[in-house]
Amino acid sequence: MIETVLQFLGDTAPIVGAVLAVAGAFFTLVGTIGVLRFPDFYTRLHGASVTDTAGASLLIIGMALMAPHWLVATKLAAIWLFLFLTSPTATHAIANAAYVAGLQPRTGPGARSSEDGEAT
């Protein structure tokens, strides 16, 4: 019984890994579109950081499921932990530096109508 369950998990892991990798690529693509479409620095930074963290997590989990050996999966887990801890921290540091430098977020109903990069 246990051997059958382990065999089933071994057979479906590459398929689930491929689905997760495609989902991670989709999240990363959505983040890229967000960087191009959002109106100001802070919303672009937020969109990129959230979707890149989710996209990278899904990609790494998918690759770990498709890994041929447990050592590869362990290395991918270490990479995931590093990205999961440093990406939000770096995003916060960049946003804080921009705010301290005087970059104000766009607010109000006319925030998207300005073409010159300054809030209206």
PDB file of N, CA and C in Angstrom:
ATOM      1  N   MET A   1       0.826  -1.198   0.000  1.00  0.00           N
ATOM      2  CA  MET A   1       0.000   0.000   0.000  1.00  0.00           C
ATOM      3  C   MET A   1       0.871   1.264   0.000  1.00  0.00           C
ATOM      4  N   ILE A   2       1.858   1.299   0.903  1.00  0.00           N
ATOM      5  CA  ILE A   2       2.730   2.463   0.988  1.00  0.00           C
ATOM      6  C   ILE A   2       3.574   2.585  -0.272  1.00  0.00           C
ATOM      7  N   GLU A   3       3.995   1.460  -0.805  1.00  0.00           N
ATOM      8  CA  GLU A   3       4.784   1.489  -2.040  1.00  0.00           C
ATOM      9  C   GLU A   3       3.971   2.050  -3.197  1.00  0.00           C
ATOM     10  N   THR A   4       2.674   1.756  -3.232  1.00  0.00           N
ATOM     11  CA  THR A   4       1.799   2.274  -4.288  1.00  0.00           C
ATOM     12  C   THR A   4       1.647   3.786  -4.167  1.00  0.00           C
ATOM     13  N   VAL A   5       1.493   4.262  -2.947  1.00  0.00           N
ATOM     14  CA  VAL A   5       1.363   5.716  -2.729  1.00  0.00           C
ATOM     15  C   VAL A   5       2.656   6.421  -3.114  1.00  0.00           C
ATOM     16  N   LEU A   6       3.789   5.875  -2.713  1.00  0.00           N
ATOM     17  CA  LEU A   6       5.071   6.479  -3.068  1.00  0.00           C
ATOM     18  C   LEU A   6       5.303   6.457  -4.573  1.00  0.00           C
ATOM     19  N   GLN A   7       4.889   5.395  -5.229  1.00  0.00           N
ATOM     20  CA  GLN A   7       5.016   5.320  -6.679  1.00  0.00           C
ATOM     21  C   GLN A   7       4.145   6.371  -7.349  1.00  0.00           C
ATOM     22  N   PHE A   8       2.927   6.562  -6.831  1.00  0.00           N
ATOM     23  CA  PHE A   8       2.022   7.576  -7.390  1.00  0.00           C
ATOM     24  C   PHE A   8       2.603   8.976  -7.208  1.00  0.00           C
ATOM     25  N   LEU A   9       3.134   9.257  -6.029  1.00  0.00           N
ATOM     26  CA  LEU A   9       3.747  10.565  -5.791  1.00  0.00           C
ATOM     27  C   LEU A   9       4.963  10.770  -6.676  1.00  0.00           C
ATOM     28  N   GLY A  10       5.740   9.739  -6.877  1.00  0.00           N
ATOM     29  CA  GLY A  10       6.903   9.828  -7.752  1.00  0.00           C
ATOM     30  C   GLY A  10       6.522  10.056  -9.204  1.00  0.00           C
ATOM     31  N   ASP A  11       5.400   9.505  -9.619  1.00  0.00           N
ATOM     32  CA  ASP A  11       4.948   9.675 -10.999  1.00  0.00           C
ATOM     33  C   ASP A  11       4.331  11.045 -11.252  1.00  0.00           C
ATOM     34  N   THR A  12       3.652  11.608 -10.254  1.00  0.00           N
ATOM     35  CA  THR A  12       2.958  12.885 -10.459  1.00  0.00           C
ATOM     36  C   THR A  12       3.808  14.102 -10.098  1.00  0.00           C
ATOM     37  N   ALA A  13       4.906  13.930  -9.389  1.00  0.00           N
ATOM     38  CA  ALA A  13       5.731  15.070  -8.973  1.00  0.00           C
ATOM     39  C   ALA A  13       6.243  15.899 -10.160  1.00  0.00           C
ATOM     40  N   PRO A  14       6.728  15.277 -11.243  1.00  0.00           N
ATOM     41  CA  PRO A  14       7.170  16.111 -12.376  1.00  0.00           C
ATOM     42  C   PRO A  14       6.035  16.905 -13.027  1.00  0.00           C
ATOM     43  N   ILE A  15       4.850  16.341 -13.058  1.00  0.00           N
ATOM     44  CA  ILE A  15       3.706  17.043 -13.656  1.00  0.00           C
ATOM     45  C   ILE A  15       3.319  18.229 -12.777  1.00  0.00           C
ATOM     46  N   VAL A  16       3.222  18.012 -11.479  1.00  0.00           N
ATOM     47  CA  VAL A  16       2.906  19.107 -10.558  1.00  0.00           C
ATOM     48  C   VAL A  16       4.009  20.156 -10.586  1.00  0.00           C
ATOM     49  N   GLY A  17       5.266  19.721 -10.669  1.00  0.00           N
ATOM     50  CA  GLY A  17       6.385  20.653 -10.750  1.00  0.00           C
ATOM     51  C   GLY A  17       6.322  21.513 -12.000  1.00  0.00           C
ATOM     52  N   ALA A  18       5.952  20.903 -13.125  1.00  0.00           N
ATOM     53  CA  ALA A  18       5.836  21.666 -14.370  1.00  0.00           C
ATOM     54  C   ALA A  18       4.706  22.686 -14.280  1.00  0.00           C
ATOM     55  N   VAL A  19       3.592  22.298 -13.685  1.00  0.00           N
ATOM     56  CA  VAL A  19       2.465  23.231 -13.525  1.00  0.00           C
ATOM     57  C   VAL A  19       2.870  24.401 -12.628  1.00  0.00           C
ATOM     58  N   LEU A  20       3.569  24.115 -11.540  1.00  0.00           N
ATOM     59  CA  LEU A  20       4.016  25.186 -10.647  1.00  0.00           C
ATOM     60  C   LEU A  20       5.039  26.095 -11.329  1.00  0.00           C
ATOM     61  N   ALA A  21       5.920  25.528 -12.135  1.00  0.00           N
ATOM     62  CA  ALA A  21       6.907  26.342 -12.853  1.00  0.00           C
ATOM     63  C   ALA A  21       6.218  27.270 -13.861  1.00  0.00           C
ATOM     64  N   VAL A  22       5.223  26.771 -14.550  1.00  0.00           N
ATOM     65  CA  VAL A  22       4.471  27.616 -15.492  1.00  0.00           C
ATOM     66  C   VAL A  22       3.707  28.702 -14.737  1.00  0.00           C
ATOM     67  N   ALA A  23       3.125  28.357 -13.599  1.00  0.00           N
ATOM     68  CA  ALA A  23       2.427  29.362 -12.788  1.00  0.00           C
ATOM     69  C   ALA A  23       3.409  30.423 -12.291  1.00  0.00           C
ATOM     70  N   GLY A  24       4.604  30.023 -11.893  1.00  0.00           N
ATOM     71  CA  GLY A  24       5.620  30.986 -11.467  1.00  0.00           C
ATOM     72  C   GLY A  24       6.039  31.908 -12.596  1.00  0.00           C
ATOM     73  N   ALA A  25       6.175  31.356 -13.791  1.00  0.00           N
ATOM     74  CA  ALA A  25       6.509  32.187 -14.948  1.00  0.00           C
ATOM     75  C   ALA A  25       5.387  33.179 -15.236  1.00  0.00           C
ATOM     76  N   PHE A  26       4.140  32.750 -15.055  1.00  0.00           N
ATOM     77  CA  PHE A  26       3.002  33.645 -15.256  1.00  0.00           C
ATOM     78  C   PHE A  26       3.030  34.792 -14.249  1.00  0.00           C
ATOM     79  N   PHE A  27       3.267  34.487 -12.983  1.00  0.00           N
ATOM     80  CA  PHE A  27       3.338  35.541 -11.964  1.00  0.00           C
ATOM     81  C   PHE A  27       4.466  36.524 -12.263  1.00  0.00           C
ATOM     82  N   THR A  28       5.591  36.029 -12.712  1.00  0.00           N
ATOM     83  CA  THR A  28       6.710  36.898 -13.057  1.00  0.00           C
ATOM     84  C   THR A  28       6.360  37.789 -14.247  1.00  0.00           C
ATOM     85  N   LEU A  29       5.655  37.232 -15.227  1.00  0.00           N
ATOM     86  CA  LEU A  29       5.204  38.026 -16.373  1.00  0.00           C
ATOM     87  C   LEU A  29       4.222  39.109 -15.945  1.00  0.00           C
ATOM     88  N   VAL A  30       3.308  38.774 -15.059  1.00  0.00           N
ATOM     89  CA  VAL A  30       2.358  39.768 -14.545  1.00  0.00           C
ATOM     90  C   VAL A  30       3.098  40.878 -13.808  1.00  0.00           C
ATOM     91  N   GLY A  31       4.132  40.533 -13.054  1.00  0.00           N
ATOM     92  CA  GLY A  31       4.937  41.549 -12.372  1.00  0.00           C
ATOM     93  C   GLY A  31       5.637  42.465 -13.348  1.00  0.00           C
ATOM     94  N   THR A  32       6.117  41.911 -14.438  1.00  0.00           N
ATOM     95  CA  THR A  32       6.776  42.724 -15.464  1.00  0.00           C
ATOM     96  C   THR A  32       5.793  43.682 -16.108  1.00  0.00           C
ATOM     97  N   ILE A  33       4.598  43.205 -16.390  1.00  0.00           N
ATOM     98  CA  ILE A  33       3.565  44.080 -16.956  1.00  0.00           C
ATOM     99  C   ILE A  33       3.197  45.171 -15.955  1.00  0.00           C
ATOM    100  N   GLY A  34       3.142  44.817 -14.672  1.00  0.00           N
ATOM    101  CA  GLY A  34       2.845  45.809 -13.639  1.00  0.00           C
ATOM    102  C   GLY A  34       3.891  46.904 -13.569  1.00  0.00           C
ATOM    103  N   VAL A  35       5.149  46.541 -13.729  1.00  0.00           N
ATOM    104  CA  VAL A  35       6.221  47.545 -13.723  1.00  0.00           C
ATOM    105  C   VAL A  35       6.024  48.528 -14.873  1.00  0.00           C
ATOM    106  N   LEU A  36       5.568  48.041 -15.997  1.00  0.00           N
ATOM    107  CA  LEU A  36       5.374  48.913 -17.157  1.00  0.00           C
ATOM    108  C   LEU A  36       4.095  49.733 -17.080  1.00  0.00           C
ATOM    109  N   ARG A  37       3.062  49.235 -16.403  1.00  0.00           N
ATOM    110  CA  ARG A  37       1.760  49.874 -16.444  1.00  0.00           C
ATOM    111  C   ARG A  37       1.425  50.767 -15.246  1.00  0.00           C
ATOM    112  N   PHE A  38       1.985  50.478 -14.089  1.00  0.00           N
ATOM    113  CA  PHE A  38       1.616  51.252 -12.904  1.00  0.00           C
ATOM    114  C   PHE A  38       2.129  52.685 -13.004  1.00  0.00           C
ATOM    115  N   PRO A  39       1.439  53.629 -12.339  1.00  0.00           N
ATOM    116  CA  PRO A  39       1.712  55.044 -12.581  1.00  0.00           C
ATOM    117  C   PRO A  39       2.938  55.628 -11.885  1.00  0.00           C
ATOM    118  N   ASP A  40       3.337  55.138 -10.737  1.00  0.00           N
ATOM    119  CA  ASP A  40       4.452  55.773 -10.052  1.00  0.00           C
ATOM    120  C   ASP A  40       5.415  54.729  -9.490  1.00  0.00           C
ATOM    121  N   PHE A  41       6.487  55.228  -8.942  1.00  0.00           N
ATOM    122  CA  PHE A  41       7.580  54.386  -8.467  1.00  0.00           C
ATOM    123  C   PHE A  41       7.129  53.393  -7.410  1.00  0.00           C
ATOM    124  N   TYR A  42       6.343  53.833  -6.444  1.00  0.00           N
ATOM    125  CA  TYR A  42       5.971  52.981  -5.326  1.00  0.00           C
ATOM    126  C   TYR A  42       5.040  51.844  -5.750  1.00  0.00           C
ATOM    127  N   THR A  43       4.083  52.128  -6.599  1.00  0.00           N
ATOM    128  CA  THR A  43       3.208  51.049  -7.063  1.00  0.00           C
ATOM    129  C   THR A  43       3.959  50.083  -7.963  1.00  0.00           C
ATOM    130  N   ARG A  44       4.869  50.585  -8.759  1.00  0.00           N
ATOM    131  CA  ARG A  44       5.697  49.700  -9.590  1.00  0.00           C
ATOM    132  C   ARG A  44       6.573  48.800  -8.717  1.00  0.00           C
ATOM    133  N   LEU A  45       7.154  49.378  -7.694  1.00  0.00           N
ATOM    134  CA  LEU A  45       8.008  48.610  -6.795  1.00  0.00           C
ATOM    135  C   LEU A  45       7.205  47.542  -6.061  1.00  0.00           C
ATOM    136  N   HIS A  46       6.012  47.905  -5.622  1.00  0.00           N
ATOM    137  CA  HIS A  46       5.167  46.940  -4.917  1.00  0.00           C
ATOM    138  C   HIS A  46       4.744  45.797  -5.838  1.00  0.00           C
ATOM    139  N   GLY A  47       4.305  46.138  -7.029  1.00  0.00           N
ATOM    140  CA  GLY A  47       3.888  45.108  -7.975  1.00  0.00           C
ATOM    141  C   GLY A  47       5.021  44.170  -8.340  1.00  0.00           C
ATOM    142  N   ALA A  48       6.181  44.730  -8.547  1.00  0.00           N
ATOM    143  CA  ALA A  48       7.326  43.894  -8.910  1.00  0.00           C
ATOM    144  C   ALA A  48       7.753  42.997  -7.758  1.00  0.00           C
ATOM    145  N   SER A  49       7.769  43.526  -6.548  1.00  0.00           N
ATOM    146  CA  SER A  49       8.268  42.725  -5.427  1.00  0.00           C
ATOM    147  C   SER A  49       7.315  41.595  -5.059  1.00  0.00           C
ATOM    148  N   VAL A  50       6.031  41.872  -5.042  1.00  0.00           N
ATOM    149  CA  VAL A  50       5.065  40.835  -4.657  1.00  0.00           C
ATOM    150  C   VAL A  50       5.026  39.724  -5.693  1.00  0.00           C
ATOM    151  N   THR A  51       4.921  40.102  -6.954  1.00  0.00           N
ATOM    152  CA  THR A  51       4.807  39.065  -7.978  1.00  0.00           C
ATOM    153  C   THR A  51       6.124  38.341  -8.206  1.00  0.00           C
ATOM    154  N   ASP A  52       7.241  39.022  -8.038  1.00  0.00           N
ATOM    155  CA  ASP A  52       8.515  38.329  -8.206  1.00  0.00           C
ATOM    156  C   ASP A  52       8.776  37.353  -7.064  1.00  0.00           C
ATOM    157  N   THR A  53       8.384  37.701  -5.857  1.00  0.00           N
ATOM    158  CA  THR A  53       8.542  36.771  -4.747  1.00  0.00           C
ATOM    159  C   THR A  53       7.639  35.561  -4.947  1.00  0.00           C
ATOM    160  N   ALA A  54       6.400  35.790  -5.338  1.00  0.00           N
ATOM    161  CA  ALA A  54       5.478  34.668  -5.584  1.00  0.00           C
ATOM    162  C   ALA A  54       5.943  33.848  -6.790  1.00  0.00           C
ATOM    163  N   GLY A  55       6.341  34.538  -7.853  1.00  0.00           N
ATOM    164  CA  GLY A  55       6.795  33.830  -9.045  1.00  0.00           C
ATOM    165  C   GLY A  55       8.046  33.007  -8.795  1.00  0.00           C
ATOM    166  N   ALA A  56       9.003  33.587  -8.105  1.00  0.00           N
ATOM    167  CA  ALA A  56      10.235  32.854  -7.803  1.00  0.00           C
ATOM    168  C   ALA A  56       9.949  31.671  -6.881  1.00  0.00           C
ATOM    169  N   SER A  57       9.056  31.849  -5.923  1.00  0.00           N
ATOM    170  CA  SER A  57       8.708  30.745  -5.024  1.00  0.00           C
ATOM    171  C   SER A  57       8.082  29.590  -5.797  1.00  0.00           C
ATOM    172  N   LEU A  58       7.131  29.910  -6.657  1.00  0.00           N
ATOM    173  CA  LEU A  58       6.498  28.845  -7.432  1.00  0.00           C
ATOM    174  C   LEU A  58       7.477  28.170  -8.379  1.00  0.00           C
ATOM    175  N   LEU A  59       8.332  28.963  -9.022  1.00  0.00           N
ATOM    176  CA  LEU A  59       9.329  28.376  -9.915  1.00  0.00           C
ATOM    177  C   LEU A  59      10.277  27.441  -9.172  1.00  0.00           C
ATOM    178  N   ILE A  60      10.753  27.865  -8.034  1.00  0.00           N
ATOM    179  CA  ILE A  60      11.710  27.054  -7.282  1.00  0.00           C
ATOM    180  C   ILE A  60      11.047  25.799  -6.727  1.00  0.00           C
ATOM    181  N   ILE A  61       9.822  25.917  -6.246  1.00  0.00           N
ATOM    182  CA  ILE A  61       9.112  24.726  -5.765  1.00  0.00           C
ATOM    183  C   ILE A  61       8.885  23.757  -6.920  1.00  0.00           C
ATOM    184  N   GLY A  62       8.505  24.298  -8.078  1.00  0.00           N
ATOM    185  CA  GLY A  62       8.322  23.442  -9.246  1.00  0.00           C
ATOM    186  C   GLY A  62       9.602  22.754  -9.667  1.00  0.00           C
ATOM    187  N   MET A  63      10.703  23.495  -9.665  1.00  0.00           N
ATOM    188  CA  MET A  63      11.986  22.879 -10.021  1.00  0.00           C
ATOM    189  C   MET A  63      12.413  21.838  -8.996  1.00  0.00           C
ATOM    190  N   ALA A  64      12.114  22.079  -7.715  1.00  0.00           N
ATOM    191  CA  ALA A  64      12.463  21.107  -6.680  1.00  0.00           C
ATOM    192  C   ALA A  64      11.679  19.811  -6.866  1.00  0.00           C
ATOM    193  N   LEU A  65      10.423  19.923  -7.295  1.00  0.00           N
ATOM    194  CA  LEU A  65       9.639  18.716  -7.540  1.00  0.00           C
ATOM    195  C   LEU A  65      10.145  17.943  -8.759  1.00  0.00           C
ATOM    196  N   MET A  66      10.745  18.648  -9.704  1.00  0.00           N
ATOM    197  CA  MET A  66      11.285  17.988 -10.890  1.00  0.00           C
ATOM    198  C   MET A  66      12.755  17.595 -10.737  1.00  0.00           C
ATOM    199  N   ALA A  67      13.349  17.908  -9.598  1.00  0.00           N
ATOM    200  CA  ALA A  67      14.773  17.644  -9.384  1.00  0.00           C
ATOM    201  C   ALA A  67      15.062  16.141  -9.395  1.00  0.00           C
ATOM    202  N   PRO A  68      16.177  15.763  -9.999  1.00  0.00           N
ATOM    203  CA  PRO A  68      16.496  14.341 -10.083  1.00  0.00           C
ATOM    204  C   PRO A  68      17.059  13.751  -8.787  1.00  0.00           C
ATOM    205  N   HIS A  69      17.508  14.620  -7.877  1.00  0.00           N
ATOM    206  CA  HIS A  69      18.159  14.127  -6.663  1.00  0.00           C
ATOM    207  C   HIS A  69      17.799  15.044  -5.506  1.00  0.00           C
ATOM    208  N   TRP A  70      17.790  14.507  -4.293  1.00  0.00           N
ATOM    209  CA  TRP A  70      17.421  15.303  -3.131  1.00  0.00           C
ATOM    210  C   TRP A  70      18.411  16.428  -2.869  1.00  0.00           C
ATOM    211  N   LEU A  71      19.673  16.276  -3.287  1.00  0.00           N
ATOM    212  CA  LEU A  71      20.660  17.326  -3.076  1.00  0.00           C
ATOM    213  C   LEU A  71      20.324  18.573  -3.897  1.00  0.00           C
ATOM    214  N   VAL A  72      19.832  18.370  -5.087  1.00  0.00           N
ATOM    215  CA  VAL A  72      19.405  19.498  -5.924  1.00  0.00           C
ATOM    216  C   VAL A  72      18.229  20.210  -5.269  1.00  0.00           C
ATOM    217  N   ALA A  73      17.277  19.445  -4.756  1.00  0.00           N
ATOM    218  CA  ALA A  73      16.120  20.039  -4.080  1.00  0.00           C
ATOM    219  C   ALA A  73      16.550  20.818  -2.831  1.00  0.00           C
ATOM    220  N   THR A  74      17.550  20.324  -2.127  1.00  0.00           N
ATOM    221  CA  THR A  74      18.056  21.021  -0.946  1.00  0.00           C
ATOM    222  C   THR A  74      18.703  22.350  -1.331  1.00  0.00           C
ATOM    223  N   LYS A  75      19.467  22.348  -2.400  1.00  0.00           N
ATOM    224  CA  LYS A  75      20.076  23.594  -2.876  1.00  0.00           C
ATOM    225  C   LYS A  75      19.014  24.588  -3.326  1.00  0.00           C
ATOM    226  N   LEU A  76      17.976  24.104  -3.992  1.00  0.00           N
ATOM    227  CA  LEU A  76      16.874  24.988  -4.400  1.00  0.00           C
ATOM    228  C   LEU A  76      16.149  25.555  -3.191  1.00  0.00           C
ATOM    229  N   ALA A  77      16.012  24.755  -2.129  1.00  0.00           N
ATOM    230  CA  ALA A  77      15.380  25.250  -0.901  1.00  0.00           C
ATOM    231  C   ALA A  77      16.222  26.357  -0.270  1.00  0.00           C
ATOM    232  N   ALA A  78      17.544  26.215  -0.314  1.00  0.00           N
ATOM    233  CA  ALA A  78      18.423  27.266   0.220  1.00  0.00           C
ATOM    234  C   ALA A  78      18.306  28.544  -0.606  1.00  0.00           C
ATOM    235  N   ILE A  79      18.239  28.396  -1.920  1.00  0.00           N
ATOM    236  CA  ILE A  79      18.067  29.565  -2.786  1.00  0.00           C
ATOM    237  C   ILE A  79      16.725  30.227  -2.511  1.00  0.00           C
ATOM    238  N   TRP A  80      15.674  29.413  -2.342  1.00  0.00           N
ATOM    239  CA  TRP A  80      14.349  29.971  -2.056  1.00  0.00           C
ATOM    240  C   TRP A  80      14.363  30.743  -0.737  1.00  0.00           C
ATOM    241  N   LEU A  81      14.972  30.184   0.279  1.00  0.00           N
ATOM    242  CA  LEU A  81      15.029  30.866   1.575  1.00  0.00           C
ATOM    243  C   LEU A  81      15.757  32.205   1.443  1.00  0.00           C
ATOM    244  N   PHE A  82      16.869  32.211   0.716  1.00  0.00           N
ATOM    245  CA  PHE A  82      17.614  33.452   0.504  1.00  0.00           C
ATOM    246  C   PHE A  82      16.753  34.491  -0.207  1.00  0.00           C
ATOM    247  N   LEU A  83      16.089  34.103  -1.282  1.00  0.00           N
ATOM    248  CA  LEU A  83      15.231  35.041  -2.019  1.00  0.00           C
ATOM    249  C   LEU A  83      14.046  35.504  -1.191  1.00  0.00           C
ATOM    250  N   PHE A  84      13.452  34.581  -0.443  1.00  0.00           N
ATOM    251  CA  PHE A  84      12.272  34.911   0.351  1.00  0.00           C
ATOM    252  C   PHE A  84      12.607  35.904   1.459  1.00  0.00           C
ATOM    253  N   LEU A  85      13.811  35.853   1.983  1.00  0.00           N
ATOM    254  CA  LEU A  85      14.214  36.779   3.040  1.00  0.00           C
ATOM    255  C   LEU A  85      14.772  38.094   2.501  1.00  0.00           C
ATOM    256  N   THR A  86      15.497  38.058   1.403  1.00  0.00           N
ATOM    257  CA  THR A  86      16.171  39.266   0.928  1.00  0.00           C
ATOM    258  C   THR A  86      15.329  40.121  -0.007  1.00  0.00           C
ATOM    259  N   SER A  87      14.444  39.544  -0.778  1.00  0.00           N
ATOM    260  CA  SER A  87      13.665  40.338  -1.738  1.00  0.00           C
ATOM    261  C   SER A  87      12.762  41.360  -1.054  1.00  0.00           C
ATOM    262  N   PRO A  88      11.948  40.984  -0.064  1.00  0.00           N
ATOM    263  CA  PRO A  88      11.145  42.003   0.617  1.00  0.00           C
ATOM    264  C   PRO A  88      11.997  43.028   1.374  1.00  0.00           C
ATOM    265  N   THR A  89      13.109  42.578   1.933  1.00  0.00           N
ATOM    266  CA  THR A  89      13.989  43.493   2.653  1.00  0.00           C
ATOM    267  C   THR A  89      14.604  44.519   1.709  1.00  0.00           C
ATOM    268  N   ALA A  90      15.055  44.069   0.556  1.00  0.00           N
ATOM    269  CA  ALA A  90      15.627  44.987  -0.428  1.00  0.00           C
ATOM    270  C   ALA A  90      14.572  45.953  -0.960  1.00  0.00           C
ATOM    271  N   THR A  91      13.370  45.462  -1.184  1.00  0.00           N
ATOM    272  CA  THR A  91      12.292  46.330  -1.658  1.00  0.00           C
ATOM    273  C   THR A  91      11.975  47.411  -0.630  1.00  0.00           C
ATOM    274  N   HIS A  92      11.937  47.026   0.636  1.00  0.00           N
ATOM    275  CA  HIS A  92      11.683  48.016   1.685  1.00  0.00           C
ATOM    276  C   HIS A  92      12.811  49.052   1.747  1.00  0.00           C
ATOM    277  N   ALA A  93      14.044  48.610   1.628  1.00  0.00           N
ATOM    278  CA  ALA A  93      15.180  49.534   1.667  1.00  0.00           C
ATOM    279  C   ALA A  93      15.128  50.515   0.492  1.00  0.00           C
ATOM    280  N   ILE A  94      14.776  50.029  -0.691  1.00  0.00           N
ATOM    281  CA  ILE A  94      14.679  50.907  -1.866  1.00  0.00           C
ATOM    282  C   ILE A  94      13.552  51.917  -1.687  1.00  0.00           C
ATOM    283  N   ALA A  95      12.389  51.459  -1.201  1.00  0.00           N
ATOM    284  CA  ALA A  95      11.266  52.374  -0.996  1.00  0.00           C
ATOM    285  C   ALA A  95      11.590  53.407   0.077  1.00  0.00           C
ATOM    286  N   ASN A  96      12.247  52.992   1.137  1.00  0.00           N
ATOM    287  CA  ASN A  96      12.623  53.925   2.193  1.00  0.00           C
ATOM    288  C   ASN A  96      13.628  54.954   1.683  1.00  0.00           C
ATOM    289  N   ALA A  97      14.600  54.521   0.891  1.00  0.00           N
ATOM    290  CA  ALA A  97      15.580  55.458   0.339  1.00  0.00           C
ATOM    291  C   ALA A  97      14.905  56.458  -0.597  1.00  0.00           C
ATOM    292  N   ALA A  98      13.945  56.008  -1.381  1.00  0.00           N
ATOM    293  CA  ALA A  98      13.233  56.920  -2.278  1.00  0.00           C
ATOM    294  C   ALA A  98      12.415  57.935  -1.481  1.00  0.00           C
ATOM    295  N   TYR A  99      11.784  57.490  -0.410  1.00  0.00           N
ATOM    296  CA  TYR A  99      10.980  58.404   0.408  1.00  0.00           C
ATOM    297  C   TYR A  99      11.867  59.423   1.114  1.00  0.00           C
ATOM    298  N   VAL A 100      12.989  58.972   1.647  1.00  0.00           N
ATOM    299  CA  VAL A 100      13.916  59.886   2.323  1.00  0.00           C
ATOM    300  C   VAL A 100      14.498  60.891   1.334  1.00  0.00           C
ATOM    301  N   ALA A 101      14.693  60.463   0.086  1.00  0.00           N
ATOM    302  CA  ALA A 101      15.224  61.358  -0.946  1.00  0.00           C
ATOM    303  C   ALA A 101      14.188  62.372  -1.425  1.00  0.00           C
ATOM    304  N   GLY A 102      12.929  62.207  -0.996  1.00  0.00           N
ATOM    305  CA  GLY A 102      11.908  63.190  -1.334  1.00  0.00           C
ATOM    306  C   GLY A 102      10.939  62.775  -2.422  1.00  0.00           C
ATOM    307  N   LEU A 103      11.007  61.563  -2.883  1.00  0.00           N
ATOM    308  CA  LEU A 103      10.082  61.098  -3.911  1.00  0.00           C
ATOM    309  C   LEU A 103       8.734  60.816  -3.266  1.00  0.00           C
ATOM    310  N   GLN A 104       7.740  61.600  -3.632  1.00  0.00           N
ATOM    311  CA  GLN A 104       6.410  61.462  -3.055  1.00  0.00           C
ATOM    312  C   GLN A 104       5.534  60.589  -3.945  1.00  0.00           C
ATOM    313  N   PRO A 105       4.693  59.757  -3.329  1.00  0.00           N
ATOM    314  CA  PRO A 105       3.787  58.949  -4.148  1.00  0.00           C
ATOM    315  C   PRO A 105       2.683  59.808  -4.750  1.00  0.00           C
ATOM    316  N   ARG A 106       2.191  59.382  -5.899  1.00  0.00           N
ATOM    317  CA  ARG A 106       1.059  60.069  -6.518  1.00  0.00           C
ATOM    318  C   ARG A 106      -0.197  59.700  -5.760  1.00  0.00           C
ATOM    319  N   THR A 107      -1.005  60.701  -5.477  1.00  0.00           N
ATOM    320  CA  THR A 107      -2.277  60.456  -4.797  1.00  0.00           C
ATOM    321  C   THR A 107      -3.351  61.295  -5.462  1.00  0.00           C
ATOM    322  N   GLY A 108      -4.579  60.939  -5.212  1.00  0.00           N
ATOM    323  CA  GLY A 108      -5.699  61.714  -5.725  1.00  0.00           C
ATOM    324  C   GLY A 108      -6.210  61.206  -7.059  1.00  0.00           C
ATOM    325  N   PRO A 109      -7.323  61.795  -7.515  1.00  0.00           N
ATOM    326  CA  PRO A 109      -7.950  61.308  -8.745  1.00  0.00           C
ATOM    327  C   PRO A 109      -7.144  61.597 -10.003  1.00  0.00           C
ATOM    328  N   GLY A 110      -6.300  62.600 -10.018  1.00  0.00           N
ATOM    329  CA  GLY A 110      -5.542  62.937 -11.214  1.00  0.00           C
ATOM    330  C   GLY A 110      -4.166  62.319 -11.256  1.00  0.00           C
ATOM    331  N   ALA A 111      -3.931  61.297 -10.430  1.00  0.00           N
ATOM    332  CA  ALA A 111      -2.591  60.718 -10.346  1.00  0.00           C
ATOM    333  C   ALA A 111      -2.137  60.073 -11.636  1.00  0.00           C
ATOM    334  N   ARG A 112      -3.041  59.534 -12.419  1.00  0.00           N
ATOM    335  CA  ARG A 112      -2.661  58.841 -13.651  1.00  0.00           C
ATOM    336  C   ARG A 112      -2.637  59.772 -14.857  1.00  0.00           C
ATOM    337  N   SER A 113      -3.181  60.979 -14.726  1.00  0.00           N
ATOM    338  CA  SER A 113      -3.321  61.841 -15.896  1.00  0.00           C
ATOM    339  C   SER A 113      -2.048  62.622 -16.228  1.00  0.00           C
ATOM    340  N   SER A 114      -1.135  62.730 -15.279  1.00  0.00           N
ATOM    341  CA  SER A 114       0.076  63.504 -15.506  1.00  0.00           C
ATOM    342  C   SER A 114       1.072  62.706 -16.355  1.00  0.00           C
ATOM    343  N   GLU A 115       1.604  63.337 -17.386  1.00  0.00           N
ATOM    344  CA  GLU A 115       2.558  62.690 -18.281  1.00  0.00           C
ATOM    345  C   GLU A 115       3.999  63.021 -17.925  1.00  0.00           C
ATOM    346  N   ASP A 116       4.235  64.075 -17.154  1.00  0.00           N
ATOM    347  CA  ASP A 116       5.593  64.544 -16.911  1.00  0.00           C
ATOM    348  C   ASP A 116       6.246  63.899 -15.677  1.00  0.00           C
ATOM    349  N   GLY A 117       5.560  62.971 -15.018  1.00  0.00           N
ATOM    350  CA  GLY A 117       6.179  62.284 -13.907  1.00  0.00           C
ATOM    351  C   GLY A 117       5.941  62.922 -12.548  1.00  0.00           C
ATOM    352  N   GLU A 118       5.244  64.060 -12.500  1.00  0.00           N
ATOM    353  CA  GLU A 118       4.959  64.694 -11.234  1.00  0.00           C
ATOM    354  C   GLU A 118       3.480  64.566 -10.930  1.00  0.00           C
ATOM    355  N   ALA A 119       3.145  64.511  -9.646  1.00  0.00           N
ATOM    356  CA  ALA A 119       1.748  64.394  -9.231  1.00  0.00           C
ATOM    357  C   ALA A 119       1.007  65.693  -9.534  1.00  0.00           C
ATOM    358  N   THR A 120      -0.252  65.555  -9.850  1.00  0.00           N
ATOM    359  CA  THR A 120      -1.057  66.751 -10.130  1.00  0.00           C
ATOM    360  C   THR A 120      -1.815  67.193  -8.926  1.00  0.00           C
TER     361      THR A 120
END
